[in-house]
């Protein structure tokens, strides 16, 4: 039994109209959405444990909008774990973090790399969004958009070792 002609035309018109929707701004390649009424468990950041102050007579004055002592600061915690100080995450690094910064830049660096990567990523997502305007089936376009940029871990390990860069935590080559 064939579908009535009107149904086919309505479906075709709806598909064309959906494909012509404007795609200005940021193109999202992942199709993950929170459809429940509860909190997003990935956005919850647990607080640090409460600690009694050393001197209860010299407590700091509360300030509106100031950070809480139990608030997490992942950037500062990461800098401290790498041997720097907790101020390493600030815009202007201090002298105490010079060793950490020098160690991170020991093989060279590109000034403005974050801005360059953000611009290139926006361009990739925008170009992929232009090609993939008809999103009929559910799925994730991330793999299709970034497949050409995947890193071959073993080839990168061989390249780094050929330059004399140690990769002690790298797993052994599965091929040999």
N, C-alpha and C. Protein backbone atom coordinates (compact mmCIF):
# COMPACT_ATOMS: atom_id res chain seq x y z
N UNK A 1 0.84 -1.17 0.00
CA UNK A 1 0.00 0.00 0.00
C UNK A 1 0.89 1.24 0.00
N UNK A 2 0.66 2.15 -0.91
CA UNK A 2 1.50 3.33 -1.01
C UNK A 2 0.94 4.48 -0.18
N UNK A 3 1.85 5.38 0.18
CA UNK A 3 1.43 6.54 0.96
C UNK A 3 0.64 7.50 0.08
N UNK A 4 -0.35 8.15 0.63
CA UNK A 4 -1.08 9.14 -0.17
C UNK A 4 -0.16 10.26 -0.61
N UNK A 5 -0.45 10.79 -1.77
CA UNK A 5 0.39 11.82 -2.36
C UNK A 5 0.49 13.06 -1.46
N UNK A 6 -0.59 13.45 -0.78
CA UNK A 6 -0.57 14.62 0.09
C UNK A 6 0.41 14.42 1.25
N UNK A 7 0.46 13.23 1.82
CA UNK A 7 1.36 12.96 2.93
C UNK A 7 2.82 13.09 2.50
N UNK A 8 3.12 12.58 1.34
CA UNK A 8 4.49 12.67 0.83
C UNK A 8 4.86 14.13 0.59
N UNK A 9 3.96 14.91 0.00
CA UNK A 9 4.24 16.32 -0.26
C UNK A 9 4.40 17.11 1.03
N UNK A 10 3.56 16.83 2.03
CA UNK A 10 3.67 17.53 3.31
C UNK A 10 5.00 17.21 3.98
N UNK A 11 5.39 15.92 3.96
CA UNK A 11 6.67 15.52 4.55
C UNK A 11 7.83 16.19 3.83
N UNK A 12 7.78 16.22 2.51
CA UNK A 12 8.83 16.85 1.72
C UNK A 12 8.91 18.35 2.00
N UNK A 13 7.78 19.03 2.09
CA UNK A 13 7.77 20.46 2.38
C UNK A 13 8.32 20.73 3.78
N UNK A 14 7.95 19.90 4.75
CA UNK A 14 8.45 20.10 6.12
C UNK A 14 9.97 19.90 6.17
N UNK A 15 10.47 18.93 5.43
CA UNK A 15 11.91 18.68 5.39
C UNK A 15 12.65 19.86 4.77
N UNK A 16 12.12 20.42 3.70
CA UNK A 16 12.77 21.55 3.04
C UNK A 16 12.76 22.78 3.94
N UNK A 17 11.63 23.03 4.60
CA UNK A 17 11.54 24.18 5.50
C UNK A 17 12.51 24.02 6.68
N UNK A 18 12.62 22.81 7.22
CA UNK A 18 13.55 22.58 8.33
C UNK A 18 14.99 22.78 7.89
N UNK A 19 15.31 22.44 6.68
CA UNK A 19 16.66 22.62 6.17
C UNK A 19 17.00 24.06 5.89
N UNK A 20 16.01 24.91 5.73
CA UNK A 20 16.26 26.32 5.43
C UNK A 20 16.32 27.19 6.67
N UNK A 21 16.25 26.59 7.83
CA UNK A 21 16.30 27.38 9.07
C UNK A 21 17.65 28.07 9.18
N UNK A 22 17.67 29.29 9.71
CA UNK A 22 18.96 30.00 9.84
C UNK A 22 19.86 29.30 10.84
N UNK A 23 21.16 29.25 10.53
CA UNK A 23 22.14 28.61 11.40
C UNK A 23 23.21 29.60 11.77
N UNK A 24 22.78 30.77 12.18
CA UNK A 24 23.74 31.80 12.59
C UNK A 24 24.32 31.43 13.94
N UNK A 25 25.45 32.03 14.25
CA UNK A 25 26.05 31.82 15.56
C UNK A 25 26.81 30.51 15.63
N UNK A 26 26.85 29.96 16.82
CA UNK A 26 27.64 28.76 17.09
C UNK A 26 26.91 27.51 16.64
N UNK A 27 27.57 26.67 15.88
CA UNK A 27 27.00 25.41 15.44
C UNK A 27 27.38 24.35 16.45
N UNK A 28 26.38 23.72 17.04
CA UNK A 28 26.62 22.67 18.02
C UNK A 28 26.63 21.33 17.32
N UNK A 29 27.69 20.58 17.50
CA UNK A 29 27.81 19.29 16.84
C UNK A 29 27.29 18.15 17.69
N UNK A 30 27.23 18.34 18.98
CA UNK A 30 26.71 17.29 19.84
C UNK A 30 25.24 17.52 20.09
N UNK A 31 24.50 16.45 20.20
CA UNK A 31 23.06 16.56 20.41
C UNK A 31 22.70 15.95 21.75
N UNK A 32 23.29 16.47 22.78
CA UNK A 32 23.01 16.00 24.13
C UNK A 32 22.11 17.04 24.78
N UNK A 33 21.02 16.61 25.34
CA UNK A 33 20.13 17.56 25.99
C UNK A 33 19.62 16.96 27.29
N UNK A 34 19.37 17.83 28.23
CA UNK A 34 18.82 17.41 29.51
C UNK A 34 17.32 17.56 29.43
N UNK A 35 16.60 16.46 29.37
CA UNK A 35 15.16 16.52 29.24
C UNK A 35 14.45 16.34 30.58
N UNK A 36 15.20 16.07 31.63
CA UNK A 36 14.59 15.87 32.93
C UNK A 36 14.45 17.17 33.70
N UNK A 37 13.82 17.07 34.85
CA UNK A 37 13.62 18.25 35.69
C UNK A 37 14.72 18.42 36.72
N UNK A 38 15.61 17.45 36.85
CA UNK A 38 16.64 17.49 37.87
C UNK A 38 17.85 18.29 37.44
N UNK A 39 18.83 18.40 38.32
CA UNK A 39 20.04 19.17 37.99
C UNK A 39 20.93 18.41 37.01
N UNK A 40 21.78 19.14 36.35
CA UNK A 40 22.76 18.54 35.46
C UNK A 40 23.93 18.08 36.33
N UNK A 41 24.12 16.78 36.43
CA UNK A 41 25.13 16.25 37.35
C UNK A 41 26.55 16.61 36.95
N UNK A 42 26.77 17.00 35.70
CA UNK A 42 28.11 17.37 35.27
C UNK A 42 28.44 18.82 35.59
N UNK A 43 27.45 19.61 35.96
CA UNK A 43 27.73 21.00 36.30
C UNK A 43 27.85 21.21 37.81
N UNK A 44 27.65 20.17 38.57
CA UNK A 44 27.75 20.28 40.02
C UNK A 44 29.21 20.13 40.42
N UNK A 45 29.73 21.11 41.12
CA UNK A 45 31.11 21.09 41.58
C UNK A 45 31.09 21.08 43.10
N UNK A 46 31.47 19.98 43.72
CA UNK A 46 31.38 19.92 45.19
C UNK A 46 32.33 20.92 45.83
N UNK A 47 31.92 21.43 46.97
CA UNK A 47 32.73 22.39 47.69
C UNK A 47 33.84 21.71 48.47
N UNK A 48 34.82 22.49 48.87
CA UNK A 48 35.89 21.97 49.72
C UNK A 48 35.35 21.74 51.12
N UNK A 49 35.99 20.90 51.90
CA UNK A 49 35.50 20.68 53.27
C UNK A 49 35.63 21.94 54.12
N UNK A 50 34.71 22.08 55.07
CA UNK A 50 34.74 23.23 55.98
C UNK A 50 35.90 23.08 56.94
N UNK A 51 36.55 24.20 57.24
CA UNK A 51 37.67 24.20 58.18
C UNK A 51 37.43 25.32 59.19
N UNK A 52 37.68 25.04 60.44
CA UNK A 52 37.55 26.14 61.42
C UNK A 52 38.71 27.11 61.25
N UNK A 53 38.46 28.40 61.43
CA UNK A 53 39.55 29.38 61.29
C UNK A 53 40.57 29.23 62.41
N UNK A 54 41.79 29.65 62.16
CA UNK A 54 42.86 29.56 63.15
C UNK A 54 42.56 30.47 64.35
N UNK A 55 42.08 31.66 64.06
CA UNK A 55 41.81 32.63 65.13
C UNK A 55 40.39 33.17 64.92
N UNK A 56 39.49 32.83 65.81
CA UNK A 56 38.09 33.25 65.66
C UNK A 56 37.90 34.74 65.93
N UNK A 57 38.85 35.39 66.52
CA UNK A 57 38.71 36.82 66.78
C UNK A 57 39.10 37.67 65.57
N UNK A 58 39.81 37.10 64.60
CA UNK A 58 40.25 37.84 63.42
C UNK A 58 39.65 37.23 62.16
N UNK A 59 38.34 37.17 62.10
CA UNK A 59 37.66 36.64 60.91
C UNK A 59 37.59 37.73 59.84
N UNK A 60 37.69 37.35 58.57
CA UNK A 60 37.60 38.38 57.52
C UNK A 60 36.18 38.93 57.42
N UNK A 61 36.11 40.18 56.97
CA UNK A 61 34.80 40.81 56.77
C UNK A 61 34.14 40.18 55.55
N UNK A 62 32.85 39.86 55.66
CA UNK A 62 32.16 39.33 54.48
C UNK A 62 32.01 40.41 53.41
N UNK A 63 32.20 40.03 52.18
CA UNK A 63 32.07 40.98 51.06
C UNK A 63 31.11 40.40 50.03
N UNK A 64 30.20 41.22 49.59
CA UNK A 64 29.20 40.79 48.61
C UNK A 64 29.90 40.38 47.30
N UNK A 65 29.63 39.19 46.85
CA UNK A 65 30.21 38.68 45.60
C UNK A 65 31.62 38.14 45.72
N UNK A 66 32.19 38.16 46.90
CA UNK A 66 33.55 37.64 47.08
C UNK A 66 33.53 36.12 47.08
N UNK A 67 34.66 35.52 46.81
CA UNK A 67 34.77 34.07 46.78
C UNK A 67 34.65 33.50 48.18
N UNK A 68 34.08 32.33 48.26
CA UNK A 68 33.94 31.62 49.52
C UNK A 68 35.17 30.74 49.72
N UNK A 69 35.58 30.53 50.94
CA UNK A 69 36.76 29.70 51.21
C UNK A 69 36.56 28.26 50.79
N UNK A 70 35.30 27.83 50.69
CA UNK A 70 35.03 26.43 50.31
C UNK A 70 34.78 26.28 48.81
N UNK A 71 34.84 27.37 48.04
CA UNK A 71 34.64 27.28 46.59
C UNK A 71 35.84 26.61 45.93
N UNK A 72 35.54 25.80 44.94
CA UNK A 72 36.60 25.15 44.16
C UNK A 72 37.21 26.15 43.19
N UNK A 73 38.48 26.02 42.91
CA UNK A 73 39.17 26.81 41.90
C UNK A 73 40.07 25.85 41.12
N UNK A 74 39.51 25.16 40.11
CA UNK A 74 40.28 24.13 39.41
C UNK A 74 41.56 24.63 38.78
N UNK A 75 41.59 25.84 38.25
CA UNK A 75 42.81 26.36 37.61
C UNK A 75 43.92 26.55 38.63
N UNK A 76 43.58 27.15 39.76
CA UNK A 76 44.60 27.36 40.79
C UNK A 76 45.03 26.03 41.40
N UNK A 77 44.08 25.12 41.61
CA UNK A 77 44.43 23.80 42.16
C UNK A 77 45.35 23.04 41.20
N UNK A 78 45.09 23.14 39.89
CA UNK A 78 45.94 22.47 38.91
C UNK A 78 47.34 23.06 38.87
N UNK A 79 47.42 24.38 38.95
CA UNK A 79 48.74 25.02 38.96
C UNK A 79 49.53 24.62 40.20
N UNK A 80 48.85 24.53 41.35
CA UNK A 80 49.53 24.12 42.58
C UNK A 80 49.97 22.66 42.49
N UNK A 81 49.16 21.81 41.86
CA UNK A 81 49.52 20.40 41.72
C UNK A 81 50.72 20.21 40.80
N UNK A 82 50.92 21.14 39.86
CA UNK A 82 52.06 21.06 38.93
C UNK A 82 53.32 21.72 39.47
N UNK A 83 53.25 22.24 40.68
CA UNK A 83 54.44 22.82 41.28
C UNK A 83 54.45 24.33 41.31
N UNK A 84 53.41 24.97 40.80
CA UNK A 84 53.33 26.42 40.84
C UNK A 84 52.60 26.88 42.09
N UNK A 85 52.19 28.11 42.08
CA UNK A 85 51.40 28.63 43.19
C UNK A 85 49.96 28.82 42.73
N UNK A 86 49.10 29.05 43.69
CA UNK A 86 47.68 29.18 43.36
C UNK A 86 47.36 30.43 42.55
N UNK A 87 48.28 31.34 42.43
CA UNK A 87 48.04 32.53 41.61
C UNK A 87 48.44 32.32 40.16
N UNK A 88 48.86 31.11 39.80
CA UNK A 88 49.29 30.84 38.41
C UNK A 88 48.16 30.97 37.42
N UNK A 89 46.92 30.83 37.89
CA UNK A 89 45.79 30.91 36.98
C UNK A 89 45.40 32.35 36.68
N UNK A 90 46.00 33.32 37.33
CA UNK A 90 45.68 34.72 37.09
C UNK A 90 46.26 35.17 35.75
N UNK A 91 45.85 36.33 35.31
CA UNK A 91 46.28 36.83 34.00
C UNK A 91 47.79 37.10 33.96
N UNK A 92 48.33 37.65 35.03
CA UNK A 92 49.76 37.98 35.05
C UNK A 92 50.47 37.02 36.00
N UNK A 93 51.28 36.10 35.48
CA UNK A 93 51.96 35.15 36.36
C UNK A 93 53.01 35.87 37.21
N UNK A 94 53.16 35.39 38.42
CA UNK A 94 54.15 36.00 39.31
C UNK A 94 55.47 35.23 39.21
N UNK A 95 56.47 35.71 39.92
CA UNK A 95 57.81 35.12 39.85
C UNK A 95 57.83 33.69 40.39
N UNK A 96 56.92 33.36 41.31
CA UNK A 96 56.88 32.02 41.88
C UNK A 96 56.46 30.96 40.88
N UNK A 97 55.84 31.38 39.79
CA UNK A 97 55.38 30.43 38.78
C UNK A 97 56.29 30.40 37.55
N UNK A 98 57.41 31.08 37.60
CA UNK A 98 58.30 31.13 36.45
C UNK A 98 58.81 29.74 36.08
N UNK A 99 59.12 28.91 37.08
CA UNK A 99 59.62 27.57 36.78
C UNK A 99 58.55 26.73 36.09
N UNK A 100 57.30 26.85 36.55
CA UNK A 100 56.20 26.11 35.93
C UNK A 100 56.00 26.56 34.49
N UNK A 101 56.02 27.85 34.25
CA UNK A 101 55.82 28.38 32.90
C UNK A 101 56.98 27.99 31.99
N UNK A 102 58.20 28.07 32.48
CA UNK A 102 59.35 27.66 31.68
C UNK A 102 59.30 26.18 31.33
N UNK A 103 58.88 25.36 32.29
CA UNK A 103 58.79 23.92 32.03
C UNK A 103 57.71 23.64 30.99
N UNK A 104 56.59 24.33 31.07
CA UNK A 104 55.51 24.12 30.10
C UNK A 104 55.92 24.57 28.70
N UNK A 105 56.79 25.56 28.61
CA UNK A 105 57.22 26.09 27.31
C UNK A 105 58.57 25.54 26.84
N UNK A 106 59.05 24.47 27.46
CA UNK A 106 60.41 24.00 27.17
C UNK A 106 60.58 23.54 25.73
N UNK A 107 59.54 23.12 25.05
CA UNK A 107 59.66 22.69 23.65
C UNK A 107 59.10 23.73 22.70
N UNK A 108 58.90 24.92 23.18
CA UNK A 108 58.39 25.99 22.33
C UNK A 108 56.89 26.15 22.50
N UNK A 109 56.41 27.25 22.06
CA UNK A 109 54.99 27.55 22.16
C UNK A 109 54.60 28.54 21.08
N UNK A 110 53.32 28.62 20.85
CA UNK A 110 52.79 29.55 19.86
C UNK A 110 52.01 30.63 20.58
N UNK A 111 52.42 31.88 20.46
CA UNK A 111 51.66 32.94 21.11
C UNK A 111 50.24 33.01 20.53
N UNK A 112 49.27 33.19 21.38
CA UNK A 112 47.88 33.32 20.93
C UNK A 112 47.28 32.02 20.41
N UNK A 113 47.80 30.87 20.86
CA UNK A 113 47.33 29.60 20.33
C UNK A 113 45.86 29.35 20.67
N UNK A 114 45.42 29.79 21.83
CA UNK A 114 44.01 29.55 22.20
C UNK A 114 43.07 30.30 21.26
N UNK A 115 43.40 31.54 20.94
CA UNK A 115 42.55 32.31 20.04
C UNK A 115 42.56 31.70 18.63
N UNK A 116 43.74 31.25 18.20
CA UNK A 116 43.85 30.62 16.87
C UNK A 116 43.02 29.35 16.81
N UNK A 117 43.13 28.50 17.83
CA UNK A 117 42.36 27.26 17.84
C UNK A 117 40.87 27.52 17.92
N UNK A 118 40.47 28.51 18.70
CA UNK A 118 39.04 28.83 18.80
C UNK A 118 38.50 29.29 17.45
N UNK A 119 39.26 30.12 16.75
CA UNK A 119 38.84 30.59 15.43
C UNK A 119 38.74 29.44 14.44
N UNK A 120 39.75 28.56 14.42
CA UNK A 120 39.72 27.41 13.50
C UNK A 120 38.58 26.47 13.83
N UNK A 121 38.31 26.27 15.11
CA UNK A 121 37.22 25.38 15.52
C UNK A 121 35.87 25.94 15.10
N UNK A 122 35.67 27.25 15.27
CA UNK A 122 34.42 27.88 14.81
C UNK A 122 34.24 27.69 13.32
N UNK A 123 35.33 27.82 12.56
CA UNK A 123 35.26 27.65 11.11
C UNK A 123 34.90 26.21 10.73
N UNK A 124 35.48 25.24 11.41
CA UNK A 124 35.16 23.83 11.14
C UNK A 124 33.70 23.56 11.42
N UNK A 125 33.21 24.02 12.58
CA UNK A 125 31.81 23.78 12.93
C UNK A 125 30.87 24.49 11.99
N UNK A 126 31.22 25.71 11.60
CA UNK A 126 30.36 26.44 10.67
C UNK A 126 30.32 25.76 9.31
N UNK A 127 31.48 25.34 8.80
CA UNK A 127 31.52 24.64 7.51
C UNK A 127 30.77 23.33 7.56
N UNK A 128 30.94 22.58 8.64
CA UNK A 128 30.22 21.31 8.75
C UNK A 128 28.72 21.55 8.87
N UNK A 129 28.33 22.62 9.55
CA UNK A 129 26.92 22.94 9.68
C UNK A 129 26.29 23.33 8.36
N UNK A 130 27.07 23.94 7.45
CA UNK A 130 26.53 24.29 6.13
C UNK A 130 26.26 23.05 5.30
N UNK A 131 27.12 22.06 5.41
CA UNK A 131 26.96 20.84 4.63
C UNK A 131 25.84 19.98 5.19
N UNK A 132 25.75 19.91 6.49
CA UNK A 132 24.80 19.02 7.15
C UNK A 132 23.59 19.81 7.63
N UNK A 133 22.82 20.40 6.71
CA UNK A 133 21.69 21.22 7.11
C UNK A 133 20.44 20.40 7.38
N UNK A 134 20.34 19.22 6.82
CA UNK A 134 19.17 18.37 7.05
C UNK A 134 19.49 17.37 8.15
N UNK A 135 18.98 17.63 9.32
CA UNK A 135 19.22 16.75 10.46
C UNK A 135 17.94 15.98 10.75
N UNK A 136 17.74 14.90 10.05
CA UNK A 136 16.51 14.13 10.19
C UNK A 136 16.67 13.08 11.27
N UNK A 137 17.74 12.33 11.21
CA UNK A 137 17.95 11.25 12.16
C UNK A 137 18.72 11.74 13.37
N UNK A 138 18.41 11.20 14.55
CA UNK A 138 19.18 11.61 15.72
C UNK A 138 20.60 11.06 15.64
N UNK A 139 21.52 11.75 16.21
CA UNK A 139 22.90 11.29 16.19
C UNK A 139 23.82 12.43 16.57
N UNK A 140 25.09 12.17 16.40
CA UNK A 140 26.10 13.14 16.80
C UNK A 140 27.01 13.41 15.62
N UNK A 141 27.16 14.66 15.24
CA UNK A 141 27.98 15.03 14.09
C UNK A 141 29.43 15.28 14.45
N UNK A 142 29.79 15.15 15.71
CA UNK A 142 31.14 15.45 16.17
C UNK A 142 32.18 14.60 15.44
N UNK A 143 31.91 13.31 15.33
CA UNK A 143 32.87 12.39 14.71
C UNK A 143 33.08 12.76 13.25
N UNK A 144 32.02 13.05 12.52
CA UNK A 144 32.16 13.39 11.11
C UNK A 144 32.91 14.70 10.92
N UNK A 145 32.70 15.66 11.81
CA UNK A 145 33.34 16.97 11.64
C UNK A 145 34.84 16.92 11.94
N UNK A 146 35.25 16.13 12.92
CA UNK A 146 36.63 16.15 13.38
C UNK A 146 37.44 14.90 13.01
N UNK A 147 36.90 14.03 12.21
CA UNK A 147 37.59 12.77 11.89
C UNK A 147 38.97 13.00 11.28
N UNK A 148 39.12 13.99 10.42
CA UNK A 148 40.42 14.23 9.78
C UNK A 148 41.46 14.77 10.75
N UNK A 149 41.04 15.21 11.93
CA UNK A 149 41.97 15.78 12.89
C UNK A 149 42.31 14.83 14.02
N UNK A 150 41.84 13.62 13.97
CA UNK A 150 42.15 12.67 15.03
C UNK A 150 43.66 12.43 15.08
N UNK A 151 44.16 12.26 16.27
CA UNK A 151 45.59 12.05 16.48
C UNK A 151 45.89 10.55 16.53
N UNK A 152 46.85 10.13 15.75
CA UNK A 152 47.34 8.76 15.83
C UNK A 152 48.38 8.74 16.94
N UNK A 153 48.01 8.19 18.08
CA UNK A 153 48.85 8.26 19.27
C UNK A 153 50.22 7.61 19.05
N UNK A 154 50.24 6.49 18.37
CA UNK A 154 51.52 5.80 18.16
C UNK A 154 52.42 6.57 17.20
N UNK A 155 51.85 7.16 16.15
CA UNK A 155 52.66 7.96 15.23
C UNK A 155 53.20 9.20 15.93
N UNK A 156 52.39 9.81 16.79
CA UNK A 156 52.84 10.99 17.53
C UNK A 156 53.94 10.60 18.52
N UNK A 157 53.80 9.45 19.14
CA UNK A 157 54.84 8.98 20.07
C UNK A 157 56.15 8.77 19.32
N UNK A 158 56.11 8.14 18.15
CA UNK A 158 57.33 7.94 17.37
C UNK A 158 57.95 9.28 16.95
N UNK A 159 57.10 10.25 16.58
CA UNK A 159 57.60 11.56 16.17
C UNK A 159 58.28 12.27 17.34
N UNK A 160 57.67 12.22 18.53
CA UNK A 160 58.26 12.87 19.69
C UNK A 160 59.57 12.20 20.10
N UNK A 161 59.59 10.88 20.10
CA UNK A 161 60.81 10.17 20.49
C UNK A 161 61.93 10.40 19.49
N UNK A 162 61.59 10.57 18.20
CA UNK A 162 62.61 10.86 17.20
C UNK A 162 63.23 12.23 17.44
N UNK A 163 62.48 13.15 18.05
CA UNK A 163 63.01 14.48 18.40
C UNK A 163 63.72 14.48 19.73
N UNK A 164 63.76 13.34 20.42
CA UNK A 164 64.44 13.26 21.69
C UNK A 164 63.58 13.62 22.89
N UNK A 165 62.27 13.71 22.69
CA UNK A 165 61.35 14.05 23.77
C UNK A 165 60.91 12.76 24.45
N UNK A 166 61.10 12.70 25.76
CA UNK A 166 60.72 11.49 26.50
C UNK A 166 59.21 11.38 26.64
N UNK A 167 58.70 10.17 26.48
CA UNK A 167 57.28 9.88 26.66
C UNK A 167 57.14 8.67 27.59
N UNK A 168 57.51 8.85 28.88
CA UNK A 168 57.56 7.70 29.77
C UNK A 168 56.20 7.10 30.10
N UNK A 169 55.12 7.88 30.07
CA UNK A 169 53.82 7.34 30.43
C UNK A 169 53.07 6.79 29.23
N UNK A 170 53.68 6.82 28.07
CA UNK A 170 53.03 6.34 26.87
C UNK A 170 52.99 4.82 26.86
N UNK A 171 51.86 4.25 26.46
CA UNK A 171 51.79 2.78 26.42
C UNK A 171 52.63 2.21 25.29
N UNK A 172 52.99 0.95 25.37
CA UNK A 172 53.80 0.34 24.31
C UNK A 172 52.99 0.25 23.01
N UNK A 173 53.72 0.21 21.90
CA UNK A 173 53.10 0.10 20.59
C UNK A 173 52.40 -1.25 20.46
N UNK A 174 51.10 -1.28 20.13
CA UNK A 174 50.39 -2.57 20.05
C UNK A 174 50.86 -3.43 18.88
N UNK A 175 51.48 -2.80 17.87
CA UNK A 175 51.91 -3.55 16.69
C UNK A 175 53.31 -4.16 16.85
N UNK A 176 54.00 -3.82 17.87
CA UNK A 176 55.31 -4.42 17.95
C UNK A 176 56.16 -3.79 18.93
